PDB file of N, CA and C in Angstrom:
ATOM      1  N   MET A   1       8.247  93.679 106.581  1.00  0.00           N
ATOM      2  CA  MET A   1       9.580  93.426 106.107  1.00  0.00           C
ATOM      3  C   MET A   1      10.260  94.757 105.838  1.00  0.00           C
ATOM      4  N   ARG A   2      11.487  94.895 106.302  1.00  0.00           N
ATOM      5  CA  ARG A   2      12.230  96.135 106.128  1.00  0.00           C
ATOM      6  C   ARG A   2      12.989  96.125 104.813  1.00  0.00           C
ATOM      7  N   HIS A   3      12.876  97.153 104.045  1.00  0.00           N
ATOM      8  CA  HIS A   3      13.567  97.288 102.760  1.00  0.00           C
ATOM      9  C   HIS A   3      14.795  98.162 102.983  1.00  0.00           C
ATOM     10  N   THR A   4      15.986  97.620 102.682  1.00  0.00           N
ATOM     11  CA  THR A   4      17.231  98.342 102.944  1.00  0.00           C
ATOM     12  C   THR A   4      17.729  99.146 101.755  1.00  0.00           C
ATOM     13  N   GLY A   5      17.122  98.983 100.588  1.00  0.00           N
ATOM     14  CA  GLY A   5      17.585  99.694  99.404  1.00  0.00           C
ATOM     15  C   GLY A   5      18.453  98.819  98.522  1.00  0.00           C
ATOM     16  N   CYS A   6      19.221  97.910  99.100  1.00  0.00           N
ATOM     17  CA  CYS A   6      20.032  96.955  98.339  1.00  0.00           C
ATOM     18  C   CYS A   6      19.259  95.653  98.282  1.00  0.00           C
ATOM     19  N   VAL A   7      18.790  95.301  97.124  1.00  0.00           N
ATOM     20  CA  VAL A   7      17.956  94.115  97.004  1.00  0.00           C
ATOM     21  C   VAL A   7      18.663  93.038  96.183  1.00  0.00           C
ATOM     22  N   ALA A   8      18.222  91.798  96.389  1.00  0.00           N
ATOM     23  CA  ALA A   8      18.759  90.674  95.629  1.00  0.00           C
ATOM     24  C   ALA A   8      18.364  90.814  94.160  1.00  0.00           C
ATOM     25  N   THR A   9      19.048  90.068  93.305  1.00  0.00           N
ATOM     26  CA  THR A   9      18.807  90.080  91.866  1.00  0.00           C
ATOM     27  C   THR A   9      17.929  88.903  91.481  1.00  0.00           C
ATOM     28  N   LEU A  10      16.915  89.150  90.679  1.00  0.00           N
ATOM     29  CA  LEU A  10      16.056  88.098  90.139  1.00  0.00           C
ATOM     30  C   LEU A  10      16.678  87.585  88.848  1.00  0.00           C
ATOM     31  N   LEU A  11      16.735  86.259  88.711  1.00  0.00           N
ATOM     32  CA  LEU A  11      17.275  85.659  87.494  1.00  0.00           C
ATOM     33  C   LEU A  11      16.304  84.602  86.982  1.00  0.00           C
ATOM     34  N   PRO A  12      15.834  84.707  85.752  1.00  0.00           N
ATOM     35  CA  PRO A  12      16.092  85.794  84.806  1.00  0.00           C
ATOM     36  C   PRO A  12      15.403  87.091  85.246  1.00  0.00           C
ATOM     37  N   ALA A  13      15.981  88.195  84.854  1.00  0.00           N
ATOM     38  CA  ALA A  13      15.503  89.505  85.305  1.00  0.00           C
ATOM     39  C   ALA A  13      14.060  89.781  84.911  1.00  0.00           C
ATOM     40  N   ASP A  14      13.600  89.206  83.804  1.00  0.00           N
ATOM     41  CA  ASP A  14      12.236  89.464  83.338  1.00  0.00           C
ATOM     42  C   ASP A  14      11.254  88.369  83.763  1.00  0.00           C
ATOM     43  N   PHE A  15      11.644  87.525  84.729  1.00  0.00           N
ATOM     44  CA  PHE A  15      10.751  86.463  85.180  1.00  0.00           C
ATOM     45  C   PHE A  15       9.489  87.077  85.792  1.00  0.00           C
ATOM     46  N   ASP A  16       8.326  86.593  85.378  1.00  0.00           N
ATOM     47  CA  ASP A  16       7.044  87.108  85.859  1.00  0.00           C
ATOM     48  C   ASP A  16       6.615  86.337  87.106  1.00  0.00           C
ATOM     49  N   LEU A  17       6.842  86.918  88.273  1.00  0.00           N
ATOM     50  CA  LEU A  17       6.502  86.250  89.530  1.00  0.00           C
ATOM     51  C   LEU A  17       5.012  85.950  89.661  1.00  0.00           C
ATOM     52  N   THR A  18       4.171  86.680  88.935  1.00  0.00           N
ATOM     53  CA  THR A  18       2.727  86.443  89.046  1.00  0.00           C
ATOM     54  C   THR A  18       2.323  85.098  88.452  1.00  0.00           C
ATOM     55  N   LEU A  19       3.220  84.446  87.716  1.00  0.00           N
ATOM     56  CA  LEU A  19       2.924  83.126  87.167  1.00  0.00           C
ATOM     57  C   LEU A  19       3.080  82.020  88.215  1.00  0.00           C
ATOM     58  N   LEU A  20       3.714  82.339  89.322  1.00  0.00           N
ATOM     59  CA  LEU A  20       3.946  81.364  90.390  1.00  0.00           C
ATOM     60  C   LEU A  20       2.713  81.215  91.273  1.00  0.00           C
ATOM     61  N   PRO A  21       2.586  80.069  91.959  1.00  0.00           N
ATOM     62  CA  PRO A  21       1.551  79.961  92.996  1.00  0.00           C
ATOM     63  C   PRO A  21       1.771  81.058  94.035  1.00  0.00           C
ATOM     64  N   HIS A  22       0.694  81.467  94.701  1.00  0.00           N
ATOM     65  CA  HIS A  22       0.762  82.587  95.651  1.00  0.00           C
ATOM     66  C   HIS A  22       1.845  82.389  96.714  1.00  0.00           C
ATOM     67  N   SER A  23       1.953  81.185  97.251  1.00  0.00           N
ATOM     68  CA  SER A  23       2.949  80.937  98.303  1.00  0.00           C
ATOM     69  C   SER A  23       4.367  81.167  97.772  1.00  0.00           C
ATOM     70  N   GLU A  24       4.640  80.732  96.555  1.00  0.00           N
ATOM     71  CA  GLU A  24       5.968  80.923  95.967  1.00  0.00           C
ATOM     72  C   GLU A  24       6.220  82.389  95.622  1.00  0.00           C
ATOM     73  N   GLN A  25       5.185  83.104  95.197  1.00  0.00           N
ATOM     74  CA  GLN A  25       5.326  84.550  94.943  1.00  0.00           C
ATOM     75  C   GLN A  25       5.768  85.260  96.216  1.00  0.00           C
ATOM     76  N   ARG A  26       5.086  84.953  97.319  1.00  0.00           N
ATOM     77  CA  ARG A  26       5.386  85.614  98.600  1.00  0.00           C
ATOM     78  C   ARG A  26       6.814  85.333  99.042  1.00  0.00           C
ATOM     79  N   VAL A  27       7.245  84.082  98.911  1.00  0.00           N
ATOM     80  CA  VAL A  27       8.594  83.710  99.326  1.00  0.00           C
ATOM     81  C   VAL A  27       9.632  84.398  98.445  1.00  0.00           C
ATOM     82  N   CYS A  28       9.442  84.381  97.134  1.00  0.00           N
ATOM     83  CA  CYS A  28      10.390  85.045  96.229  1.00  0.00           C
ATOM     84  C   CYS A  28      10.483  86.532  96.515  1.00  0.00           C
ATOM     85  N   LYS A  29       9.353  87.180  96.693  1.00  0.00           N
ATOM     86  CA  LYS A  29       9.356  88.621  96.983  1.00  0.00           C
ATOM     87  C   LYS A  29      10.073  88.909  98.298  1.00  0.00           C
ATOM     88  N   ALA A  30       9.855  88.054  99.305  1.00  0.00           N
ATOM     89  CA  ALA A  30      10.528  88.239 100.592  1.00  0.00           C
ATOM     90  C   ALA A  30      12.045  88.107 100.435  1.00  0.00           C
ATOM     91  N   PHE A  31      12.497  87.119  99.659  1.00  0.00           N
ATOM     92  CA  PHE A  31      13.930  86.975  99.417  1.00  0.00           C
ATOM     93  C   PHE A  31      14.475  88.168  98.638  1.00  0.00           C
ATOM     94  N   LEU A  32      13.775  88.598  97.608  1.00  0.00           N
ATOM     95  CA  LEU A  32      14.247  89.708  96.783  1.00  0.00           C
ATOM     96  C   LEU A  32      14.401  90.990  97.595  1.00  0.00           C
ATOM     97  N   LEU A  33      13.445  91.267  98.470  1.00  0.00           N
ATOM     98  CA  LEU A  33      13.493  92.491  99.266  1.00  0.00           C
ATOM     99  C   LEU A  33      14.314  92.339 100.544  1.00  0.00           C
ATOM    100  N   GLY A  34      14.418  91.120 101.052  1.00  0.00           N
ATOM    101  CA  GLY A  34      15.083  90.908 102.336  1.00  0.00           C
ATOM    102  C   GLY A  34      16.568  90.596 102.248  1.00  0.00           C
ATOM    103  N   LEU A  35      17.008  90.085 101.106  1.00  0.00           N
ATOM    104  CA  LEU A  35      18.424  89.775 100.937  1.00  0.00           C
ATOM    105  C   LEU A  35      19.140  90.945 100.266  1.00  0.00           C
ATOM    106  N   ASP A  36      20.435  91.052 100.525  1.00  0.00           N
ATOM    107  CA  ASP A  36      21.178  92.166  99.918  1.00  0.00           C
ATOM    108  C   ASP A  36      21.598  91.836  98.480  1.00  0.00           C
ATOM    109  N   ALA A  37      22.268  92.773  97.847  1.00  0.00           N
ATOM    110  CA  ALA A  37      22.597  92.689  96.426  1.00  0.00           C
ATOM    111  C   ALA A  37      23.614  91.596  96.091  1.00  0.00           C
ATOM    112  N   THR A  38      24.202  90.959  97.093  1.00  0.00           N
ATOM    113  CA  THR A  38      25.137  89.862  96.818  1.00  0.00           C
ATOM    114  C   THR A  38      24.402  88.564  96.483  1.00  0.00           C
ATOM    115  N   TRP A  39      23.088  88.533  96.673  1.00  0.00           N
ATOM    116  CA  TRP A  39      22.284  87.325  96.452  1.00  0.00           C
ATOM    117  C   TRP A  39      21.571  87.375  95.111  1.00  0.00           C
ATOM    118  N   THR A  40      21.417  86.199  94.498  1.00  0.00           N
ATOM    119  CA  THR A  40      20.606  86.028  93.303  1.00  0.00           C
ATOM    120  C   THR A  40      19.484  85.053  93.637  1.00  0.00           C
ATOM    121  N   VAL A  41      18.267  85.395  93.249  1.00  0.00           N
ATOM    122  CA  VAL A  41      17.080  84.571  93.488  1.00  0.00           C
ATOM    123  C   VAL A  41      16.641  83.988  92.150  1.00  0.00           C
ATOM    124  N   ILE A  42      16.607  82.647  92.074  1.00  0.00           N
ATOM    125  CA  ILE A  42      16.248  81.962  90.820  1.00  0.00           C
ATOM    126  C   ILE A  42      15.015  81.093  91.086  1.00  0.00           C
ATOM    127  N   PRO A  43      13.834  81.512  90.613  1.00  0.00           N
ATOM    128  CA  PRO A  43      12.631  80.703  90.814  1.00  0.00           C
ATOM    129  C   PRO A  43      12.452  79.648  89.716  1.00  0.00           C
ATOM    130  N   CYS A  44      11.703  78.594  90.033  1.00  0.00           N
ATOM    131  CA  CYS A  44      11.273  77.577  89.044  1.00  0.00           C
ATOM    132  C   CYS A  44      12.428  76.952  88.272  1.00  0.00           C
ATOM    133  N   VAL A  45      13.293  76.262  88.952  1.00  0.00           N
ATOM    134  CA  VAL A  45      14.439  75.633  88.293  1.00  0.00           C
ATOM    135  C   VAL A  45      14.068  74.198  87.925  1.00  0.00           C
ATOM    136  N   PRO A  46      13.988  73.891  86.625  1.00  0.00           N
ATOM    137  CA  PRO A  46      13.604  72.533  86.219  1.00  0.00           C
ATOM    138  C   PRO A  46      14.740  71.544  86.480  1.00  0.00           C
ATOM    139  N   ILE A  47      14.386  70.353  86.985  1.00  0.00           N
ATOM    140  CA  ILE A  47      15.352  69.283  87.217  1.00  0.00           C
ATOM    141  C   ILE A  47      14.699  67.958  86.836  1.00  0.00           C
ATOM    142  N   VAL A  48      15.506  66.921  86.739  1.00  0.00           N
ATOM    143  CA  VAL A  48      15.004  65.572  86.503  1.00  0.00           C
ATOM    144  C   VAL A  48      15.400  64.730  87.712  1.00  0.00           C
ATOM    145  N   VAL A  49      14.417  64.059  88.322  1.00  0.00           N
ATOM    146  CA  VAL A  49      14.647  63.201  89.481  1.00  0.00           C
ATOM    147  C   VAL A  49      14.132  61.812  89.148  1.00  0.00           C
ATOM    148  N   ASP A  50      15.019  60.823  89.213  1.00  0.00           N
ATOM    149  CA  ASP A  50      14.652  59.444  88.888  1.00  0.00           C
ATOM    150  C   ASP A  50      13.931  59.350  87.543  1.00  0.00           C
ATOM    151  N   GLY A  51      14.404  60.115  86.562  1.00  0.00           N
ATOM    152  CA  GLY A  51      13.845  60.068  85.219  1.00  0.00           C
ATOM    153  C   GLY A  51      12.576  60.874  85.011  1.00  0.00           C
ATOM    154  N   ALA A  52      12.085  61.527  86.047  1.00  0.00           N
ATOM    155  CA  ALA A  52      10.845  62.311  85.937  1.00  0.00           C
ATOM    156  C   ALA A  52      11.145  63.799  86.069  1.00  0.00           C
ATOM    157  N   ASP A  53      10.445  64.597  85.276  1.00  0.00           N
ATOM    158  CA  ASP A  53      10.591  66.048  85.380  1.00  0.00           C
ATOM    159  C   ASP A  53      10.082  66.521  86.727  1.00  0.00           C
ATOM    160  N   SER A  54      10.820  67.450  87.310  1.00  0.00           N
ATOM    161  CA  SER A  54      10.433  68.031  88.589  1.00  0.00           C
ATOM    162  C   SER A  54      10.890  69.485  88.599  1.00  0.00           C
ATOM    163  N   GLU A  55      10.818  70.131  89.756  1.00  0.00           N
ATOM    164  CA  GLU A  55      11.160  71.544  89.828  1.00  0.00           C
ATOM    165  C   GLU A  55      11.645  71.892  91.223  1.00  0.00           C
ATOM    166  N   ILE A  56      12.687  72.714  91.265  1.00  0.00           N
ATOM    167  CA  ILE A  56      13.098  73.338  92.521  1.00  0.00           C
ATOM    168  C   ILE A  56      12.362  74.671  92.572  1.00  0.00           C
ATOM    169  N   ASP A  57      11.672  74.952  93.677  1.00  0.00           N
ATOM    170  CA  ASP A  57      10.878  76.175  93.757  1.00  0.00           C
ATOM    171  C   ASP A  57      11.735  77.428  93.684  1.00  0.00           C
ATOM    172  N   VAL A  58      12.800  77.491  94.481  1.00  0.00           N
ATOM    173  CA  VAL A  58      13.662  78.671  94.500  1.00  0.00           C
ATOM    174  C   VAL A  58      15.093  78.231  94.808  1.00  0.00           C
ATOM    175  N   VAL A  59      16.048  78.787  94.072  1.00  0.00           N
ATOM    176  CA  VAL A  59      17.460  78.611  94.386  1.00  0.00           C
ATOM    177  C   VAL A  59      18.018  79.990  94.727  1.00  0.00           C
ATOM    178  N   LEU A  60      18.721  80.079  95.846  1.00  0.00           N
ATOM    179  CA  LEU A  60      19.381  81.312  96.263  1.00  0.00           C
ATOM    180  C   LEU A  60      20.877  81.110  96.104  1.00  0.00           C
ATOM    181  N   VAL A  61      21.552  82.069  95.465  1.00  0.00           N
ATOM    182  CA  VAL A  61      22.983  81.952  95.203  1.00  0.00           C
ATOM    183  C   VAL A  61      23.691  83.212  95.682  1.00  0.00           C
ATOM    184  N   CYS A  62      24.773  83.015  96.430  1.00  0.00           N
ATOM    185  CA  CYS A  62      25.618  84.120  96.880  1.00  0.00           C
ATOM    186  C   CYS A  62      27.067  83.656  96.762  1.00  0.00           C
ATOM    187  N   ALA A  63      27.898  84.416  96.066  1.00  0.00           N
ATOM    188  CA  ALA A  63      29.284  84.012  95.833  1.00  0.00           C
ATOM    189  C   ALA A  63      30.058  83.782  97.127  1.00  0.00           C
ATOM    190  N   SER A  64      29.766  84.534  98.164  1.00  0.00           N
ATOM    191  CA  SER A  64      30.525  84.400  99.406  1.00  0.00           C
ATOM    192  C   SER A  64      29.878  83.454 100.425  1.00  0.00           C
ATOM    193  N   ARG A  65      28.610  83.083 100.196  1.00  0.00           N
ATOM    194  CA  ARG A  65      27.910  82.254 101.183  1.00  0.00           C
ATOM    195  C   ARG A  65      27.456  80.908 100.657  1.00  0.00           C
ATOM    196  N   GLY A  66      27.336  80.747  99.354  1.00  0.00           N
ATOM    197  CA  GLY A  66      26.979  79.459  98.789  1.00  0.00           C
ATOM    198  C   GLY A  66      25.612  79.450  98.136  1.00  0.00           C
ATOM    199  N   VAL A  67      25.044  78.242  98.058  1.00  0.00           N
ATOM    200  CA  VAL A  67      23.778  78.003  97.374  1.00  0.00           C
ATOM    201  C   VAL A  67      22.786  77.400  98.362  1.00  0.00           C
ATOM    202  N   ILE A  68      21.551  77.888  98.314  1.00  0.00           N
ATOM    203  CA  ILE A  68      20.465  77.358  99.143  1.00  0.00           C
ATOM    204  C   ILE A  68      19.326  76.961  98.216  1.00  0.00           C
ATOM    205  N   VAL A  69      18.854  75.735  98.369  1.00  0.00           N
ATOM    206  CA  VAL A  69      17.720  75.238  97.597  1.00  0.00           C
ATOM    207  C   VAL A  69      16.492  75.280  98.502  1.00  0.00           C
ATOM    208  N   VAL A  70      15.416  75.900  98.016  1.00  0.00           N
ATOM    209  CA  VAL A  70      14.223  76.115  98.836  1.00  0.00           C
ATOM    210  C   VAL A  70      13.023  75.404  98.221  1.00  0.00           C
ATOM    211  N   GLU A  71      12.350  74.603  99.001  1.00  0.00           N
ATOM    212  CA  GLU A  71      11.074  73.981  98.627  1.00  0.00           C
ATOM    213  C   GLU A  71       9.988  74.726  99.387  1.00  0.00           C
ATOM    214  N   VAL A  72       9.091  75.376  98.670  1.00  0.00           N
ATOM    215  CA  VAL A  72       8.030  76.171  99.289  1.00  0.00           C
ATOM    216  C   VAL A  72       6.801  75.290  99.476  1.00  0.00           C
ATOM    217  N   LYS A  73       6.256  75.309 100.669  1.00  0.00           N
ATOM    218  CA  LYS A  73       5.015  74.590 100.949  1.00  0.00           C
ATOM    219  C   LYS A  73       3.932  75.626 101.212  1.00  0.00           C
ATOM    220  N   GLY A  74       2.883  75.571 100.425  1.00  0.00           N
ATOM    221  CA  GLY A  74       1.764  76.482 100.633  1.00  0.00           C
ATOM    222  C   GLY A  74       0.640  75.748 101.321  1.00  0.00           C
ATOM    223  N   GLY A  75      -0.281  76.476 101.850  1.00  0.00           N
ATOM    224  CA  GLY A  75      -1.443  75.854 102.459  1.00  0.00           C
ATOM    225  C   GLY A  75      -1.229  75.484 103.905  1.00  0.00           C
ATOM    226  N   VAL A  76      -2.129  74.676 104.394  1.00  0.00           N
ATOM    227  CA  VAL A  76      -2.184  74.320 105.805  1.00  0.00           C
ATOM    228  C   VAL A  76      -1.316  73.094 106.079  1.00  0.00           C
ATOM    229  N   THR A  77      -0.513  73.164 107.140  1.00  0.00           N
ATOM    230  CA  THR A  77       0.226  71.995 107.597  1.00  0.00           C
ATOM    231  C   THR A  77      -0.176  71.705 109.036  1.00  0.00           C
ATOM    232  N   THR A  78      -0.134  70.436 109.387  1.00  0.00           N
ATOM    233  CA  THR A  78      -0.390  70.034 110.767  1.00  0.00           C
ATOM    234  C   THR A  78       0.712  69.087 111.199  1.00  0.00           C
ATOM    235  N   GLN A  79       0.947  69.021 112.504  1.00  0.00           N
ATOM    236  CA  GLN A  79       1.977  68.136 113.026  1.00  0.00           C
ATOM    237  C   GLN A  79       1.321  66.896 113.605  1.00  0.00           C
ATOM    238  N   SER A  80       1.819  65.725 113.198  1.00  0.00           N
ATOM    239  CA  SER A  80       1.259  64.477 113.697  1.00  0.00           C
ATOM    240  C   SER A  80       1.933  64.102 115.015  1.00  0.00           C
ATOM    241  N   SER A  81       1.433  63.052 115.649  1.00  0.00           N
ATOM    242  CA  SER A  81       1.960  62.632 116.948  1.00  0.00           C
ATOM    243  C   SER A  81       3.410  62.151 116.867  1.00  0.00           C
ATOM    244  N   ASP A  82       3.878  61.733 115.674  1.00  0.00           N
ATOM    245  CA  ASP A  82       5.274  61.287 115.549  1.00  0.00           C
ATOM    246  C   ASP A  82       6.186  62.412 115.048  1.00  0.00           C
ATOM    247  N   ASP A  83       5.744  63.659 115.150  1.00  0.00           N
ATOM    248  CA  ASP A  83       6.503  64.853 114.772  1.00  0.00           C
ATOM    249  C   ASP A  83       6.682  65.030 113.268  1.00  0.00           C
ATOM    250  N   SER A  84       5.952  64.298 112.445  1.00  0.00           N
ATOM    251  CA  SER A  84       5.944  64.538 111.012  1.00  0.00           C
ATOM    252  C   SER A  84       5.010  65.700 110.720  1.00  0.00           C
ATOM    253  N   LEU A  85       5.229  66.361 109.591  1.00  0.00           N
ATOM    254  CA  LEU A  85       4.306  67.396 109.147  1.00  0.00           C
ATOM    255  C   LEU A  85       3.417  66.815 108.065  1.00  0.00           C
ATOM    256  N   LEU A  86       2.136  67.119 108.122  1.00  0.00           N
ATOM    257  CA  LEU A  86       1.189  66.688 107.105  1.00  0.00           C
ATOM    258  C   LEU A  86       0.687  67.921 106.374  1.00  0.00           C
ATOM    259  N   THR A  87       0.640  67.851 105.047  1.00  0.00           N
ATOM    260  CA  THR A  87       0.115  68.952 104.252  1.00  0.00           C
ATOM    261  C   THR A  87      -1.175  68.509 103.578  1.00  0.00           C
ATOM    262  N   ARG A  88      -2.027  69.463 103.299  1.00  0.00           N
ATOM    263  CA  ARG A  88      -3.273  69.168 102.604  1.00  0.00           C
ATOM    264  C   ARG A  88      -2.947  68.625 101.216  1.00  0.00           C
ATOM    265  N   PRO A  89      -3.623  67.562 100.770  1.00  0.00           N
ATOM    266  CA  PRO A  89      -3.302  66.988  99.466  1.00  0.00           C
ATOM    267  C   PRO A  89      -3.631  67.938  98.320  1.00  0.00           C
ATOM    268  N   ARG A  90      -2.822  67.866  97.269  1.00  0.00           N
ATOM    269  CA  ARG A  90      -3.103  68.620  96.055  1.00  0.00           C
ATOM    270  C   ARG A  90      -4.190  67.904  95.275  1.00  0.00           C
ATOM    271  N   PRO A  91      -4.962  68.615  94.477  1.00  0.00           N
ATOM    272  CA  PRO A  91      -5.966  67.950  93.643  1.00  0.00           C
ATOM    273  C   PRO A  91      -5.316  66.880  92.769  1.00  0.00           C
ATOM    274  N   GLY A  92      -5.953  65.726  92.701  1.00  0.00           N
ATOM    275  CA  GLY A  92      -5.431  64.635  91.884  1.00  0.00           C
ATOM    276  C   GLY A  92      -4.453  63.725  92.595  1.00  0.00           C
ATOM    277  N   THR A  93      -4.178  63.993  93.884  1.00  0.00           N
ATOM    278  CA  THR A  93      -3.294  63.114  94.634  1.00  0.00           C
ATOM    279  C   THR A  93      -4.110  62.279  95.600  1.00  0.00           C
ATOM    280  N   SER A  94      -3.494  61.241  96.138  1.00  0.00           N
ATOM    281  CA  SER A  94      -4.250  60.267  96.932  1.00  0.00           C
ATOM    282  C   SER A  94      -4.334  60.579  98.417  1.00  0.00           C
ATOM    283  N   GLY A  95      -3.598  61.510  98.922  1.00  0.00           N
ATOM    284  CA  GLY A  95      -3.671  61.795 100.350  1.00  0.00           C
ATOM    285  C   GLY A  95      -2.655  62.836 100.749  1.00  0.00           C
ATOM    286  N   PRO A  96      -2.594  63.139 102.041  1.00  0.00           N
ATOM    287  CA  PRO A  96      -1.675  64.182 102.486  1.00  0.00           C
ATOM    288  C   PRO A  96      -0.222  63.764 102.327  1.00  0.00           C
ATOM    289  N   ALA A  97       0.624  64.731 102.034  1.00  0.00           N
ATOM    290  CA  ALA A  97       2.056  64.479 101.972  1.00  0.00           C
ATOM    291  C   ALA A  97       2.591  64.479 103.380  1.00  0.00           C
ATOM    292  N   THR A  98       3.536  63.605 103.657  1.00  0.00           N
ATOM    293  CA  THR A  98       4.156  63.521 104.971  1.00  0.00           C
ATOM    294  C   THR A  98       5.611  63.954 104.853  1.00  0.00           C
ATOM    295  N   ILE A  99       6.020  64.828 105.747  1.00  0.00           N
ATOM    296  CA  ILE A  99       7.397  65.280 105.781  1.00  0.00           C
ATOM    297  C   ILE A  99       7.980  64.809 107.100  1.00  0.00           C
ATOM    298  N   SER A 100       8.952  63.895 107.040  1.00  0.00           N
ATOM    299  CA  SER A 100       9.592  63.376 108.250  1.00  0.00           C
ATOM    300  C   SER A 100      10.882  64.137 108.517  1.00  0.00           C
ATOM    301  N   TRP A 101      11.313  64.109 109.757  1.00  0.00           N
ATOM    302  CA  TRP A 101      12.546  64.801 110.148  1.00  0.00           C
ATOM    303  C   TRP A 101      13.679  63.817 110.341  1.00  0.00           C
ATOM    304  N   GLU A 102      13.628  62.638 109.731  1.00  0.00           N
ATOM    305  CA  GLU A 102      14.689  61.636 109.897  1.00  0.00           C
ATOM    306  C   GLU A 102      15.844  61.903 108.989  1.00  0.00           C
TER     307      GLU A 102
END
């Protein structure tokens, strides 16, 4: 990755990226070093979905370009015959997650 000298801003500035899962650390660091100073990188944004606590992995904000919400997938993914992506199940879950393109 090329570092241009102008890097994105981490919000909050004292957020400890080492507390994130490895895949999310890598993605945040790539955004911080790869985006210019007009971008803000916000990791671990808490939200409520259908009454349950959840989290957005990364939100990218730029005043001139808008907002991008990023869901980071770590680990191994495979593509099924119907073009869905399957991810390895997390501990405590019942099976692989399926991501459809519909």
